[in-house]
Amino acid sequence: MSLTFRLPGVNKTGLLALVCGILLFGMPADGYEIMVWFDSTVCFSGQQNVSVPVYMANYKDVVVGYRFWFFLGQSDIGLLADNVDDLVDTTETLTSGWQFLDVISYGGVGMESRLSAISDLSSPYIHGIDFPQSGDKILVKIKVDIQDLSDLLTYETMNIMINTNNLTHFGFADPQGHSLGLIPVSMPDTSWFQCLQWQEPEHICLDWMEIPGPPADSVSIEYEDIYILDTTYVNVKSGKMTVLLCGDCTLDKTVNLLDIIYLIDYKFKEGTEPVHREAADVNHDKALNVLDIVYLVEFKFKNGPAPSCY
């Protein structure tokens, strides 16, 4: 069973969906009615199931379906799953309780996955997303597996994005089945013809064939409406994932005595705070304190366990 989504004036079956990114504010800006973005995410070498929240602000229409085509910037850093259970987490999100979730991967190499979601397969759409939504609630969470970067020289960054160029894989739908945020554009469709047999003296063409372009005996121009994303209605931006080396407080490509000294200076001598606090929380207790210093000392000089930041 499926829900039908229609372009204005056009019957079309299926979902259309939207692209993602980082917005700094969840309030209406520049007249946008729908905004979608990622939070910046910090993760670590070899970390699995990194939860990446996707946020949505919605100010005009109820949304009962969406489709996103997610892409990662580098497959040597992170991978996306090609199934719902491994890719999607809807716990405590706007998509929680939706009846239909489906994931398809076209490339098969972990760099992309397409998510389709429908709140209910038949009306009333009781699980749809009402408006206004200011963006303080997560739309859905995407899980990313980070590759083992044991030879990590410094922190790495990777983009995570939604492809908005192909509206077959991108869009939102309202309860009436209309795709949101699209506008029609009239485009010419030009055909060129070459006559193969003339009737003389009337000079009437009895047989002809279509050719790629001029020179030609005749040309036909027809105009048809196509639909494109209205970027004054919809705003979407890419996100960034930063991969760190756990325990590397100085960001000097390794975990050594300098990181211990850095933490001592920070905690007891008013030294500089670590640029990435997550990398300094080596015992993963959500705090930077003397326990992290002791942990690093044990690791470096007493064969203690390796830093564990997640």
C-alpha atoms as a PDB file:
ATOM      1  CA  MET A   1       0.000   0.000   0.000  1.00  0.00           C
ATOM      2  CA  SER A   2       1.266   3.500  -0.729  1.00  0.00           C
ATOM      3  CA  LEU A   3       0.224   7.099  -0.431  1.00  0.00           C
ATOM      4  CA  THR A   4      -0.124   9.150  -3.610  1.00  0.00           C
ATOM      5  CA  PHE A   5       1.709  12.479  -3.812  1.00  0.00           C
ATOM      6  CA  ARG A   6       0.745  14.867  -6.571  1.00  0.00           C
ATOM      7  CA  LEU A   7       2.525  17.758  -8.144  1.00  0.00           C
ATOM      8  CA  PRO A   8       0.192  20.732  -8.625  1.00  0.00           C
ATOM      9  CA  GLY A   9      -1.951  19.852 -11.629  1.00  0.00           C
ATOM     10  CA  VAL A  10      -0.113  16.579 -12.242  1.00  0.00           C
ATOM     11  CA  ASN A  11      -0.998  13.062 -11.039  1.00  0.00           C
ATOM     12  CA  LYS A  12       2.075  11.262  -9.782  1.00  0.00           C
ATOM     13  CA  THR A  13       2.492   8.270  -7.468  1.00  0.00           C
ATOM     14  CA  GLY A  14       5.187   8.172  -4.838  1.00  0.00           C
ATOM     15  CA  LEU A  15       6.919  10.475  -2.405  1.00  0.00           C
ATOM     16  CA  LEU A  16       9.033  13.495  -3.151  1.00  0.00           C
ATOM     17  CA  ALA A  17      11.637  14.658  -0.581  1.00  0.00           C
ATOM     18  CA  LEU A  18      14.045  17.348   0.728  1.00  0.00           C
ATOM     19  CA  VAL A  19      17.826  17.988   1.479  1.00  0.00           C
ATOM     20  CA  CYS A  20      19.612  18.588   4.767  1.00  0.00           C
ATOM     21  CA  GLY A  21      22.033  20.827   6.573  1.00  0.00           C
ATOM     22  CA  ILE A  22      23.014  23.066   9.435  1.00  0.00           C
ATOM     23  CA  LEU A  23      20.909  26.063  10.444  1.00  0.00           C
ATOM     24  CA  LEU A  24      22.032  28.124  13.381  1.00  0.00           C
ATOM     25  CA  PHE A  25      18.528  29.263  14.321  1.00  0.00           C
ATOM     26  CA  GLY A  26      15.144  27.543  14.373  1.00  0.00           C
ATOM     27  CA  MET A  27      13.087  30.671  13.681  1.00  0.00           C
ATOM     28  CA  PRO A  28      11.578  31.799  10.371  1.00  0.00           C
ATOM     29  CA  ALA A  29      14.174  33.509   8.189  1.00  0.00           C
ATOM     30  CA  ASP A  30      13.854  35.255   4.831  1.00  0.00           C
ATOM     31  CA  GLY A  31      10.341  33.909   4.330  1.00  0.00           C
ATOM     32  CA  TYR A  32      11.249  30.206   4.390  1.00  0.00           C
ATOM     33  CA  GLU A  33       8.317  27.928   5.225  1.00  0.00           C
ATOM     34  CA  ILE A  34      10.350  24.716   5.601  1.00  0.00           C
ATOM     35  CA  MET A  35      13.917  24.457   6.875  1.00  0.00           C
ATOM     36  CA  VAL A  36      15.977  21.277   7.306  1.00  0.00           C
ATOM     37  CA  TRP A  37      19.436  20.972   8.839  1.00  0.00           C
ATOM     38  CA  PHE A  38      21.950  18.801  10.699  1.00  0.00           C
ATOM     39  CA  ASP A  39      23.650  19.545  13.993  1.00  0.00           C
ATOM     40  CA  SER A  40      27.429  19.457  13.877  1.00  0.00           C
ATOM     41  CA  THR A  41      28.516  16.048  15.154  1.00  0.00           C
ATOM     42  CA  VAL A  42      31.717  14.942  16.897  1.00  0.00           C
ATOM     43  CA  CYS A  43      32.669  11.254  16.709  1.00  0.00           C
ATOM     44  CA  PHE A  44      35.693   8.985  17.035  1.00  0.00           C
ATOM     45  CA  SER A  45      37.681   6.479  15.024  1.00  0.00           C
ATOM     46  CA  GLY A  46      35.874   3.136  14.838  1.00  0.00           C
ATOM     47  CA  GLN A  47      32.691   4.415  16.512  1.00  0.00           C
ATOM     48  CA  GLN A  48      29.559   2.626  15.303  1.00  0.00           C
ATOM     49  CA  ASN A  49      25.967   3.863  15.156  1.00  0.00           C
ATOM     50  CA  VAL A  50      26.839   7.526  15.567  1.00  0.00           C
ATOM     51  CA  SER A  51      23.470   9.259  15.891  1.00  0.00           C
ATOM     52  CA  VAL A  52      23.157  12.296  13.620  1.00  0.00           C
ATOM     53  CA  PRO A  53      19.980  14.330  14.300  1.00  0.00           C
ATOM     54  CA  VAL A  54      18.089  15.873  11.397  1.00  0.00           C
ATOM     55  CA  TYR A  55      16.023  18.919  12.401  1.00  0.00           C
ATOM     56  CA  MET A  56      13.054  20.488  10.630  1.00  0.00           C
ATOM     57  CA  ALA A  57      11.303  23.821  11.073  1.00  0.00           C
ATOM     58  CA  ASN A  58       7.847  23.971   9.495  1.00  0.00           C
ATOM     59  CA  TYR A  59       5.612  27.057   9.448  1.00  0.00           C
ATOM     60  CA  LYS A  60       2.811  26.603   6.935  1.00  0.00           C
ATOM     61  CA  ASP A  61       1.619  23.062   6.085  1.00  0.00           C
ATOM     62  CA  VAL A  62       1.021  19.755   7.807  1.00  0.00           C
ATOM     63  CA  VAL A  63       3.616  17.232   6.594  1.00  0.00           C
ATOM     64  CA  VAL A  64       2.596  13.568   6.303  1.00  0.00           C
ATOM     65  CA  GLY A  65       5.472  12.243   4.200  1.00  0.00           C
ATOM     66  CA  TYR A  66       9.019  12.978   3.147  1.00  0.00           C
ATOM     67  CA  ARG A  67      11.895  11.468   1.205  1.00  0.00           C
ATOM     68  CA  PHE A  68      15.601  12.209   1.747  1.00  0.00           C
ATOM     69  CA  TRP A  69      18.564  10.967  -0.247  1.00  0.00           C
ATOM     70  CA  PHE A  70      21.482  11.083   2.214  1.00  0.00           C
ATOM     71  CA  PHE A  71      25.092  11.314   1.059  1.00  0.00           C
ATOM     72  CA  LEU A  72      28.409  11.147   2.917  1.00  0.00           C
ATOM     73  CA  GLY A  73      31.386  13.110   1.669  1.00  0.00           C
ATOM     74  CA  GLN A  74      33.973  10.314   2.099  1.00  0.00           C
ATOM     75  CA  SER A  75      33.397   6.560   2.297  1.00  0.00           C
ATOM     76  CA  ASP A  76      36.897   6.073   3.749  1.00  0.00           C
ATOM     77  CA  ILE A  77      35.723   7.948   6.870  1.00  0.00           C
ATOM     78  CA  GLY A  78      32.079   6.915   7.355  1.00  0.00           C
ATOM     79  CA  LEU A  79      29.447   4.535   5.991  1.00  0.00           C
ATOM     80  CA  LEU A  80      25.651   4.590   5.737  1.00  0.00           C
ATOM     81  CA  ALA A  81      23.520   1.445   6.020  1.00  0.00           C
ATOM     82  CA  ASP A  82      21.151   0.279   3.288  1.00  0.00           C
ATOM     83  CA  ASN A  83      18.355  -0.926   5.605  1.00  0.00           C
ATOM     84  CA  VAL A  84      15.944   0.786   7.980  1.00  0.00           C
ATOM     85  CA  ASP A  85      17.032  -0.901  11.222  1.00  0.00           C
ATOM     86  CA  ASP A  86      20.695   0.054  10.835  1.00  0.00           C
ATOM     87  CA  LEU A  87      20.177   3.517   9.333  1.00  0.00           C
ATOM     88  CA  VAL A  88      17.170   5.102  11.049  1.00  0.00           C
ATOM     89  CA  ASP A  89      16.339   5.875  14.672  1.00  0.00           C
ATOM     90  CA  THR A  90      12.940   7.495  15.264  1.00  0.00           C
ATOM     91  CA  THR A  91      12.987   7.372  19.076  1.00  0.00           C
ATOM     92  CA  GLU A  92      11.570  10.622  20.509  1.00  0.00           C
ATOM     93  CA  THR A  93      11.499  12.257  17.059  1.00  0.00           C
ATOM     94  CA  LEU A  94       8.755  13.798  14.917  1.00  0.00           C
ATOM     95  CA  THR A  95       8.811  10.588  12.855  1.00  0.00           C
ATOM     96  CA  SER A  96       8.151   8.376  15.889  1.00  0.00           C
ATOM     97  CA  GLY A  97       5.135   6.110  15.326  1.00  0.00           C
ATOM     98  CA  TRP A  98       5.008   6.565  11.544  1.00  0.00           C
ATOM     99  CA  GLN A  99       3.668   3.525   9.711  1.00  0.00           C
ATOM    100  CA  PHE A 100       5.974   3.379   6.688  1.00  0.00           C
ATOM    101  CA  LEU A 101       9.761   3.682   6.618  1.00  0.00           C
ATOM    102  CA  ASP A 102      11.801   2.384   3.711  1.00  0.00           C
ATOM    103  CA  VAL A 103      15.499   2.626   2.830  1.00  0.00           C
ATOM    104  CA  ILE A 104      17.113   1.987  -0.551  1.00  0.00           C
ATOM    105  CA  SER A 105      20.804   2.231  -1.435  1.00  0.00           C
ATOM    106  CA  TYR A 106      21.676   2.739  -5.094  1.00  0.00           C
ATOM    107  CA  GLY A 107      25.464   2.720  -5.017  1.00  0.00           C
ATOM    108  CA  GLY A 108      25.922  -0.110  -2.541  1.00  0.00           C
ATOM    109  CA  VAL A 109      29.178   1.294  -1.138  1.00  0.00           C
ATOM    110  CA  GLY A 110      27.871   2.976   2.014  1.00  0.00           C
ATOM    111  CA  MET A 111      28.106   6.545   0.739  1.00  0.00           C
ATOM    112  CA  GLU A 112      24.381   7.043   0.145  1.00  0.00           C
ATOM    113  CA  SER A 113      20.984   5.818   1.286  1.00  0.00           C
ATOM    114  CA  ARG A 114      17.466   7.024   0.463  1.00  0.00           C
ATOM    115  CA  LEU A 115      14.868   7.218   3.220  1.00  0.00           C
ATOM    116  CA  SER A 116      11.130   7.367   2.463  1.00  0.00           C
ATOM    117  CA  ALA A 117       8.666   7.975   5.302  1.00  0.00           C
ATOM    118  CA  ILE A 118       4.847   8.141   5.470  1.00  0.00           C
ATOM    119  CA  SER A 119       2.977   8.930   8.682  1.00  0.00           C
ATOM    120  CA  ASP A 120      -0.082   6.765   7.900  1.00  0.00           C
ATOM    121  CA  LEU A 121      -0.875   4.708   4.845  1.00  0.00           C
ATOM    122  CA  SER A 122      -4.458   5.972   4.750  1.00  0.00           C
ATOM    123  CA  SER A 123      -6.194   9.061   6.074  1.00  0.00           C
ATOM    124  CA  PRO A 124      -6.670  10.462   8.639  1.00  0.00           C
ATOM    125  CA  TYR A 125      -2.973  11.160   8.971  1.00  0.00           C
ATOM    126  CA  ILE A 126      -2.926  11.288  12.760  1.00  0.00           C
ATOM    127  CA  HIS A 127       0.855  11.046  12.983  1.00  0.00           C
ATOM    128  CA  GLY A 128       1.572  13.915  10.594  1.00  0.00           C
ATOM    129  CA  ILE A 129       3.786  16.851  11.585  1.00  0.00           C
ATOM    130  CA  ASP A 130       1.694  19.861  12.538  1.00  0.00           C
ATOM    131  CA  PHE A 131       2.819  23.449  12.184  1.00  0.00           C
ATOM    132  CA  PRO A 132       4.344  25.636  13.418  1.00  0.00           C
ATOM    133  CA  GLN A 133       7.483  23.680  14.278  1.00  0.00           C
ATOM    134  CA  SER A 134      10.347  25.957  15.278  1.00  0.00           C
ATOM    135  CA  GLY A 135      13.029  23.315  14.831  1.00  0.00           C
ATOM    136  CA  ASP A 136      13.521  22.448  18.497  1.00  0.00           C
ATOM    137  CA  LYS A 137      12.419  18.856  17.861  1.00  0.00           C
ATOM    138  CA  ILE A 138      14.380  16.261  15.904  1.00  0.00           C
ATOM    139  CA  LEU A 139      12.721  15.050  12.696  1.00  0.00           C
ATOM    140  CA  VAL A 140      14.665  11.780  12.512  1.00  0.00           C
ATOM    141  CA  LYS A 141      18.070  10.431  13.526  1.00  0.00           C
ATOM    142  CA  ILE A 142      20.460   8.888  11.009  1.00  0.00           C
ATOM    143  CA  LYS A 143      23.116   6.436  12.176  1.00  0.00           C
ATOM    144  CA  VAL A 144      26.616   6.539  10.668  1.00  0.00           C
ATOM    145  CA  ASP A 145      29.390   3.969  11.149  1.00  0.00           C
ATOM    146  CA  ILE A 146      32.853   5.551  11.389  1.00  0.00           C
ATOM    147  CA  GLN A 147      35.715   3.634   9.822  1.00  0.00           C
ATOM    148  CA  ASP A 148      38.682   2.479  11.901  1.00  0.00           C
ATOM    149  CA  LEU A 149      41.112   5.347  11.444  1.00  0.00           C
ATOM    150  CA  SER A 150      43.890   3.910  13.602  1.00  0.00           C
ATOM    151  CA  ASP A 151      46.418   5.837  11.542  1.00  0.00           C
ATOM    152  CA  LEU A 152      44.494   9.086  12.069  1.00  0.00           C
ATOM    153  CA  LEU A 153      47.045  11.893  11.764  1.00  0.00           C
ATOM    154  CA  THR A 154      44.762  14.620  13.030  1.00  0.00           C
ATOM    155  CA  TYR A 155      41.042  15.164  13.231  1.00  0.00           C
ATOM    156  CA  GLU A 156      39.099  14.562  10.015  1.00  0.00           C
ATOM    157  CA  THR A 157      35.921  16.223   8.791  1.00  0.00           C
ATOM    158  CA  MET A 158      33.248  14.758   6.555  1.00  0.00           C
ATOM    159  CA  ASN A 159      30.147  16.336   5.034  1.00  0.00           C
ATOM    160  CA  ILE A 160      26.725  14.740   5.374  1.00  0.00           C
ATOM    161  CA  MET A 161      24.115  16.042   2.957  1.00  0.00           C
ATOM    162  CA  ILE A 162      20.776  15.500   1.246  1.00  0.00           C
ATOM    163  CA  ASN A 163      20.620  15.594  -2.540  1.00  0.00           C
ATOM    164  CA  THR A 164      17.972  18.094  -3.674  1.00  0.00           C
ATOM    165  CA  ASN A 165      18.841  18.022  -7.373  1.00  0.00           C
ATOM    166  CA  ASN A 166      16.599  15.062  -8.193  1.00  0.00           C
ATOM    167  CA  LEU A 167      12.989  15.587  -7.058  1.00  0.00           C
ATOM    168  CA  THR A 168      12.252  11.876  -7.495  1.00  0.00           C
ATOM    169  CA  HIS A 169      14.335  11.348  -4.363  1.00  0.00           C
ATOM    170  CA  PHE A 170      13.537  14.509  -2.446  1.00  0.00           C
ATOM    171  CA  GLY A 171      10.473  16.289  -1.047  1.00  0.00           C
ATOM    172  CA  PHE A 172       7.674  16.740   1.473  1.00  0.00           C
ATOM    173  CA  ALA A 173       3.971  15.925   1.041  1.00  0.00           C
ATOM    174  CA  ASP A 174       0.846  17.377   2.685  1.00  0.00           C
ATOM    175  CA  PRO A 175      -2.351  15.439   3.622  1.00  0.00           C
ATOM    176  CA  GLN A 176      -3.852  16.153   0.170  1.00  0.00           C
ATOM    177  CA  GLY A 177      -0.925  14.417  -1.508  1.00  0.00           C
ATOM    178  CA  HIS A 178       0.631  17.622  -2.856  1.00  0.00           C
ATOM    179  CA  SER A 179       4.369  18.071  -2.901  1.00  0.00           C
ATOM    180  CA  LEU A 180       5.423  21.123  -0.907  1.00  0.00           C
ATOM    181  CA  GLY A 181       7.865  23.807  -1.952  1.00  0.00           C
ATOM    182  CA  LEU A 182       7.787  23.275  -5.730  1.00  0.00           C
ATOM    183  CA  ILE A 183       7.165  25.810  -8.497  1.00  0.00           C
ATOM    184  CA  PRO A 184       6.396  25.234 -12.215  1.00  0.00           C
ATOM    185  CA  VAL A 185       8.826  26.458 -14.869  1.00  0.00           C
ATOM    186  CA  SER A 186       7.857  26.512 -18.547  1.00  0.00           C
ATOM    187  CA  MET A 187      10.560  24.857 -20.659  1.00  0.00           C
ATOM    188  CA  PRO A 188      10.716  24.605 -24.493  1.00  0.00           C
ATOM    189  CA  ASP A 189      10.851  21.179 -26.109  1.00  0.00           C
ATOM    190  CA  THR A 190      12.303  21.658 -29.606  1.00  0.00           C
ATOM    191  CA  SER A 191      12.116  19.016 -32.371  1.00  0.00           C
ATOM    192  CA  TRP A 192      13.889  19.224 -35.770  1.00  0.00           C
ATOM    193  CA  PHE A 193      12.747  17.417 -38.935  1.00  0.00           C
ATOM    194  CA  GLN A 194      14.290  16.579 -42.319  1.00  0.00           C
ATOM    195  CA  CYS A 195      12.029  15.807 -45.285  1.00  0.00           C
ATOM    196  CA  LEU A 196      12.830  12.498 -47.037  1.00  0.00           C
ATOM    197  CA  GLN A 197      10.370  12.779 -49.957  1.00  0.00           C
ATOM    198  CA  TRP A 198       8.885  15.874 -51.556  1.00  0.00           C
ATOM    199  CA  GLN A 199       5.816  16.065 -53.765  1.00  0.00           C
ATOM    200  CA  GLU A 200       6.503  18.557 -56.541  1.00  0.00           C
ATOM    201  CA  PRO A 201       5.536  21.059 -57.769  1.00  0.00           C
ATOM    202  CA  GLU A 202       3.378  21.567 -54.644  1.00  0.00           C
ATOM    203  CA  HIS A 203       6.511  21.137 -52.525  1.00  0.00           C
ATOM    204  CA  ILE A 204       4.655  18.981 -49.989  1.00  0.00           C
ATOM    205  CA  CYS A 205       6.670  16.701 -47.736  1.00  0.00           C
ATOM    206  CA  LEU A 206       5.364  13.120 -47.957  1.00  0.00           C
ATOM    207  CA  ASP A 207       7.852  11.473 -45.602  1.00  0.00           C
ATOM    208  CA  TRP A 208      10.211  12.858 -42.963  1.00  0.00           C
ATOM    209  CA  MET A 209      12.402  11.914 -40.019  1.00  0.00           C
ATOM    210  CA  GLU A 210      13.388  13.633 -36.800  1.00  0.00           C
ATOM    211  CA  ILE A 211      17.007  14.788 -36.608  1.00  0.00           C
ATOM    212  CA  PRO A 212      19.187  16.079 -33.741  1.00  0.00           C
ATOM    213  CA  GLY A 213      19.308  19.683 -34.930  1.00  0.00           C
ATOM    214  CA  PRO A 214      19.795  22.135 -37.799  1.00  0.00           C
ATOM    215  CA  PRO A 215      20.116  22.339 -40.706  1.00  0.00           C
ATOM    216  CA  ALA A 216      16.526  21.121 -41.007  1.00  0.00           C
ATOM    217  CA  ASP A 217      13.438  21.585 -43.179  1.00  0.00           C
ATOM    218  CA  SER A 218      11.136  22.324 -40.235  1.00  0.00           C
ATOM    219  CA  VAL A 219      11.128  22.828 -36.490  1.00  0.00           C
ATOM    220  CA  SER A 220       8.483  22.241 -33.807  1.00  0.00           C
ATOM    221  CA  ILE A 221       8.569  23.994 -30.430  1.00  0.00           C
ATOM    222  CA  GLU A 222       6.276  22.922 -27.608  1.00  0.00           C
ATOM    223  CA  TYR A 223       6.318  24.252 -24.063  1.00  0.00           C
ATOM    224  CA  GLU A 224       5.753  22.090 -20.995  1.00  0.00           C
ATOM    225  CA  ASP A 225       5.818  22.804 -17.277  1.00  0.00           C
ATOM    226  CA  ILE A 226       8.442  21.121 -15.127  1.00  0.00           C
ATOM    227  CA  TYR A 227       8.716  21.518 -11.377  1.00  0.00           C
ATOM    228  CA  ILE A 228      11.753  22.730  -9.486  1.00  0.00           C
ATOM    229  CA  LEU A 229      12.466  23.339  -5.813  1.00  0.00           C
ATOM    230  CA  ASP A 230      11.353  26.777  -4.645  1.00  0.00           C
ATOM    231  CA  THR A 231      14.451  27.894  -2.723  1.00  0.00           C
ATOM    232  CA  THR A 232      12.555  30.871  -1.326  1.00  0.00           C
ATOM    233  CA  TYR A 233      10.132  28.401   0.327  1.00  0.00           C
ATOM    234  CA  VAL A 234      12.549  25.627   1.340  1.00  0.00           C
ATOM    235  CA  ASN A 235      15.967  26.052   2.955  1.00  0.00           C
ATOM    236  CA  VAL A 236      18.290  23.050   3.386  1.00  0.00           C
ATOM    237  CA  LYS A 237      21.953  22.918   4.369  1.00  0.00           C
ATOM    238  CA  SER A 238      24.593  20.230   4.746  1.00  0.00           C
ATOM    239  CA  GLY A 239      26.125  19.130   8.034  1.00  0.00           C
ATOM    240  CA  LYS A 240      29.629  18.267   9.100  1.00  0.00           C
ATOM    241  CA  MET A 241      30.968  15.338  11.107  1.00  0.00           C
ATOM    242  CA  THR A 242      34.307  15.755  12.890  1.00  0.00           C
ATOM    243  CA  VAL A 243      36.279  12.556  13.614  1.00  0.00           C
ATOM    244  CA  LEU A 244      38.687  12.868  16.542  1.00  0.00           C
ATOM    245  CA  LEU A 245      41.433  10.788  18.146  1.00  0.00           C
ATOM    246  CA  CYS A 246      40.321  10.097  21.706  1.00  0.00           C
ATOM    247  CA  GLY A 247      42.779  11.602  24.204  1.00  0.00           C
ATOM    248  CA  ASP A 248      44.453  13.949  21.718  1.00  0.00           C
ATOM    249  CA  CYS A 249      43.833  17.180  23.646  1.00  0.00           C
ATOM    250  CA  THR A 250      46.564  19.086  21.795  1.00  0.00           C
ATOM    251  CA  LEU A 251      45.473  17.925  18.326  1.00  0.00           C
ATOM    252  CA  ASP A 252      49.080  16.998  17.526  1.00  0.00           C
ATOM    253  CA  LYS A 253      48.172  13.666  15.899  1.00  0.00           C
ATOM    254  CA  THR A 254      48.951  11.418  18.886  1.00  0.00           C
ATOM    255  CA  VAL A 255      48.191  10.749  22.559  1.00  0.00           C
ATOM    256  CA  ASN A 256      51.257  11.399  24.686  1.00  0.00           C
ATOM    257  CA  LEU A 257      52.681  13.218  27.714  1.00  0.00           C
ATOM    258  CA  LEU A 258      51.838  16.586  26.164  1.00  0.00           C
ATOM    259  CA  ASP A 259      48.124  15.782  26.436  1.00  0.00           C
ATOM    260  CA  ILE A 260      48.515  15.026  30.152  1.00  0.00           C
ATOM    261  CA  ILE A 261      50.367  18.311  30.682  1.00  0.00           C
ATOM    262  CA  TYR A 262      47.699  20.144  28.668  1.00  0.00           C
ATOM    263  CA  LEU A 263      44.931  18.840  30.935  1.00  0.00           C
ATOM    264  CA  ILE A 264      46.909  19.642  34.097  1.00  0.00           C
ATOM    265  CA  ASP A 265      47.454  23.215  32.880  1.00  0.00           C
ATOM    266  CA  TYR A 266      43.780  23.560  32.009  1.00  0.00           C
ATOM    267  CA  LYS A 267      42.454  22.202  35.310  1.00  0.00           C
ATOM    268  CA  PHE A 268      44.965  23.711  37.737  1.00  0.00           C
ATOM    269  CA  LYS A 269      46.833  26.558  36.026  1.00  0.00           C
ATOM    270  CA  GLU A 270      44.111  28.409  34.091  1.00  0.00           C
ATOM    271  CA  GLY A 271      45.373  26.969  30.838  1.00  0.00           C
ATOM    272  CA  THR A 272      43.497  26.899  27.549  1.00  0.00           C
ATOM    273  CA  GLU A 273      40.367  24.790  27.343  1.00  0.00           C
ATOM    274  CA  PRO A 274      40.653  21.887  24.856  1.00  0.00           C
ATOM    275  CA  VAL A 275      39.303  22.815  21.432  1.00  0.00           C
ATOM    276  CA  HIS A 276      37.315  19.570  21.394  1.00  0.00           C
ATOM    277  CA  ARG A 277      36.251  18.758  24.957  1.00  0.00           C
ATOM    278  CA  GLU A 278      34.902  15.408  23.752  1.00  0.00           C
ATOM    279  CA  ALA A 279      38.438  14.207  22.940  1.00  0.00           C
ATOM    280  CA  ALA A 280      39.663  15.134  26.443  1.00  0.00           C
ATOM    281  CA  ASP A 281      36.880  13.242  28.252  1.00  0.00           C
ATOM    282  CA  VAL A 282      38.886  10.013  28.076  1.00  0.00           C
ATOM    283  CA  ASN A 283      36.796   8.118  30.671  1.00  0.00           C
ATOM    284  CA  HIS A 284      33.529   9.224  29.056  1.00  0.00           C
ATOM    285  CA  ASP A 285      31.877  10.507  32.234  1.00  0.00           C
ATOM    286  CA  LYS A 286      30.705  13.750  30.575  1.00  0.00           C
ATOM    287  CA  ALA A 287      33.109  15.865  32.662  1.00  0.00           C
ATOM    288  CA  LEU A 288      36.691  17.141  32.407  1.00  0.00           C
ATOM    289  CA  ASN A 289      38.392  16.631  35.751  1.00  0.00           C
ATOM    290  CA  VAL A 290      41.313  15.013  37.542  1.00  0.00           C
ATOM    291  CA  LEU A 291      39.935  11.561  36.714  1.00  0.00           C
ATOM    292  CA  ASP A 292      40.746  12.157  33.032  1.00  0.00           C
ATOM    293  CA  ILE A 293      44.327  13.084  33.962  1.00  0.00           C
ATOM    294  CA  VAL A 294      44.694   9.941  36.080  1.00  0.00           C
ATOM    295  CA  TYR A 295      43.188   7.862  33.260  1.00  0.00           C
ATOM    296  CA  LEU A 296      45.742   9.152  30.730  1.00  0.00           C
ATOM    297  CA  VAL A 297      48.634   8.606  33.174  1.00  0.00           C
ATOM    298  CA  GLU A 298      47.497   5.012  33.736  1.00  0.00           C
ATOM    299  CA  PHE A 299      47.211   4.496  29.958  1.00  0.00           C
ATOM    300  CA  LYS A 300      50.600   5.962  29.048  1.00  0.00           C
ATOM    301  CA  PHE A 301      52.741   4.685  31.925  1.00  0.00           C
ATOM    302  CA  LYS A 302      50.959   1.777  33.668  1.00  0.00           C
ATOM    303  CA  ASN A 303      49.432  -0.245  30.816  1.00  0.00           C
ATOM    304  CA  GLY A 304      45.979   1.022  31.663  1.00  0.00           C
ATOM    305  CA  PRO A 305      43.011   0.804  29.280  1.00  0.00           C
ATOM    306  CA  ALA A 306      43.007   2.936  26.145  1.00  0.00           C
ATOM    307  CA  PRO A 307      41.047   6.211  26.197  1.00  0.00           C
ATOM    308  CA  SER A 308      37.318   5.662  25.625  1.00  0.00           C
ATOM    309  CA  CYS A 309      35.449   8.796  24.575  1.00  0.00           C
ATOM    310  CA  TYR A 310      32.169   7.104  23.599  1.00  0.00           C
END
